[in-house]
Amino acid sequence: MRRKGWSDAKIARAMGDKRKSYAKPDRPGPDSLELWHAVLHDLRSELNLPYAGLLVRVYRGDV
């Protein structure tokens, strides 16, 4: 980092931030199945729809 022209303070700050990021526990994100179930349920009930669905397409490679 010194070769890139970083100061001692900037290097210390970057290393401290890196250590802090490793110390943070991973927060699990919301379960997508539960999320989409809630979205579709709310959509159906708010708009009084008899059905609501979700079309899922899985792509391989570049889209």
C-alpha atoms as a PDB file:
ATOM      1  CA  MET A   1       0.000   0.000   0.000  1.00  0.00           C
ATOM      2  CA  ARG A   2       2.916   2.250   0.644  1.00  0.00           C
ATOM      3  CA  ARG A   3       3.936   1.884  -3.007  1.00  0.00           C
ATOM      4  CA  LYS A   4       0.555   3.304  -3.964  1.00  0.00           C
ATOM      5  CA  GLY A   5       1.367   6.425  -1.970  1.00  0.00           C
ATOM      6  CA  TRP A   6      -0.773   5.673   1.064  1.00  0.00           C
ATOM      7  CA  SER A   7       0.120   7.408   4.324  1.00  0.00           C
ATOM      8  CA  ASP A   8       0.740   5.481   7.550  1.00  0.00           C
ATOM      9  CA  ALA A   9      -2.577   6.732   8.935  1.00  0.00           C
ATOM     10  CA  LYS A  10      -4.488   5.588   5.853  1.00  0.00           C
ATOM     11  CA  ILE A  11      -2.864   2.139   5.992  1.00  0.00           C
ATOM     12  CA  ALA A  12      -3.678   1.803   9.702  1.00  0.00           C
ATOM     13  CA  ARG A  13      -7.272   2.878   9.098  1.00  0.00           C
ATOM     14  CA  ALA A  14      -7.679   0.404   6.228  1.00  0.00           C
ATOM     15  CA  MET A  15      -6.246  -2.447   8.296  1.00  0.00           C
ATOM     16  CA  GLY A  16      -8.516  -1.554  11.231  1.00  0.00           C
ATOM     17  CA  ASP A  17     -11.557  -1.462   8.974  1.00  0.00           C
ATOM     18  CA  LYS A  18     -10.588  -4.852   7.544  1.00  0.00           C
ATOM     19  CA  ARG A  19     -10.321  -6.332  11.055  1.00  0.00           C
ATOM     20  CA  LYS A  20     -13.709  -4.857  12.006  1.00  0.00           C
ATOM     21  CA  SER A  21     -15.339  -6.355   8.932  1.00  0.00           C
ATOM     22  CA  TYR A  22     -14.023  -9.806   9.845  1.00  0.00           C
ATOM     23  CA  ALA A  23     -15.279  -9.420  13.422  1.00  0.00           C
ATOM     24  CA  LYS A  24     -18.860  -8.640  12.390  1.00  0.00           C
ATOM     25  CA  PRO A  25     -21.178 -11.632  12.492  1.00  0.00           C
ATOM     26  CA  ASP A  26     -22.811 -12.450   9.195  1.00  0.00           C
ATOM     27  CA  ARG A  27     -26.413 -11.360   9.247  1.00  0.00           C
ATOM     28  CA  PRO A  28     -28.658 -13.764   7.439  1.00  0.00           C
ATOM     29  CA  GLY A  29     -30.804 -11.993   4.891  1.00  0.00           C
ATOM     30  CA  PRO A  30     -34.542 -12.451   4.687  1.00  0.00           C
ATOM     31  CA  ASP A  31     -35.617 -15.784   3.310  1.00  0.00           C
ATOM     32  CA  SER A  32     -36.692 -15.064  -0.251  1.00  0.00           C
ATOM     33  CA  LEU A  33     -39.440 -17.698  -0.186  1.00  0.00           C
ATOM     34  CA  GLU A  34     -41.050 -16.063   2.843  1.00  0.00           C
ATOM     35  CA  LEU A  35     -40.580 -12.619   1.301  1.00  0.00           C
ATOM     36  CA  TRP A  36     -42.261 -13.516  -2.002  1.00  0.00           C
ATOM     37  CA  HIS A  37     -45.041 -15.398  -0.231  1.00  0.00           C
ATOM     38  CA  ALA A  38     -45.821 -12.277   1.794  1.00  0.00           C
ATOM     39  CA  VAL A  39     -45.657 -10.020  -1.290  1.00  0.00           C
ATOM     40  CA  LEU A  40     -48.009 -12.221  -3.292  1.00  0.00           C
ATOM     41  CA  HIS A  41     -50.379 -12.638  -0.358  1.00  0.00           C
ATOM     42  CA  ASP A  42     -50.549  -8.876   0.207  1.00  0.00           C
ATOM     43  CA  LEU A  43     -50.985  -8.184  -3.503  1.00  0.00           C
ATOM     44  CA  ARG A  44     -53.784 -10.704  -3.742  1.00  0.00           C
ATOM     45  CA  SER A  45     -55.636  -9.420  -0.695  1.00  0.00           C
ATOM     46  CA  GLU A  46     -55.223  -5.694  -1.462  1.00  0.00           C
ATOM     47  CA  LEU A  47     -56.399  -5.985  -5.061  1.00  0.00           C
ATOM     48  CA  ASN A  48     -58.992  -8.682  -4.330  1.00  0.00           C
ATOM     49  CA  LEU A  49     -57.455 -10.981  -6.916  1.00  0.00           C
ATOM     50  CA  PRO A  50     -58.538 -14.612  -7.090  1.00  0.00           C
ATOM     51  CA  TYR A  51     -54.961 -15.656  -7.966  1.00  0.00           C
ATOM     52  CA  ALA A  52     -51.490 -14.176  -7.872  1.00  0.00           C
ATOM     53  CA  GLY A  53     -48.350 -15.873  -9.100  1.00  0.00           C
ATOM     54  CA  LEU A  54     -44.705 -15.403  -9.773  1.00  0.00           C
ATOM     55  CA  LEU A  55     -42.892 -16.458 -12.920  1.00  0.00           C
ATOM     56  CA  VAL A  56     -39.330 -17.514 -12.227  1.00  0.00           C
ATOM     57  CA  ARG A  57     -36.734 -17.910 -14.952  1.00  0.00           C
ATOM     58  CA  VAL A  58     -33.239 -19.157 -14.294  1.00  0.00           C
ATOM     59  CA  TYR A  59     -30.572 -18.069 -16.758  1.00  0.00           C
ATOM     60  CA  ARG A  60     -27.201 -19.615 -17.305  1.00  0.00           C
ATOM     61  CA  GLY A  61     -24.363 -17.459 -18.460  1.00  0.00           C
ATOM     62  CA  ASP A  62     -24.731 -13.868 -19.600  1.00  0.00           C
ATOM     63  CA  VAL A  63     -28.193 -12.400 -19.884  1.00  0.00           C
END
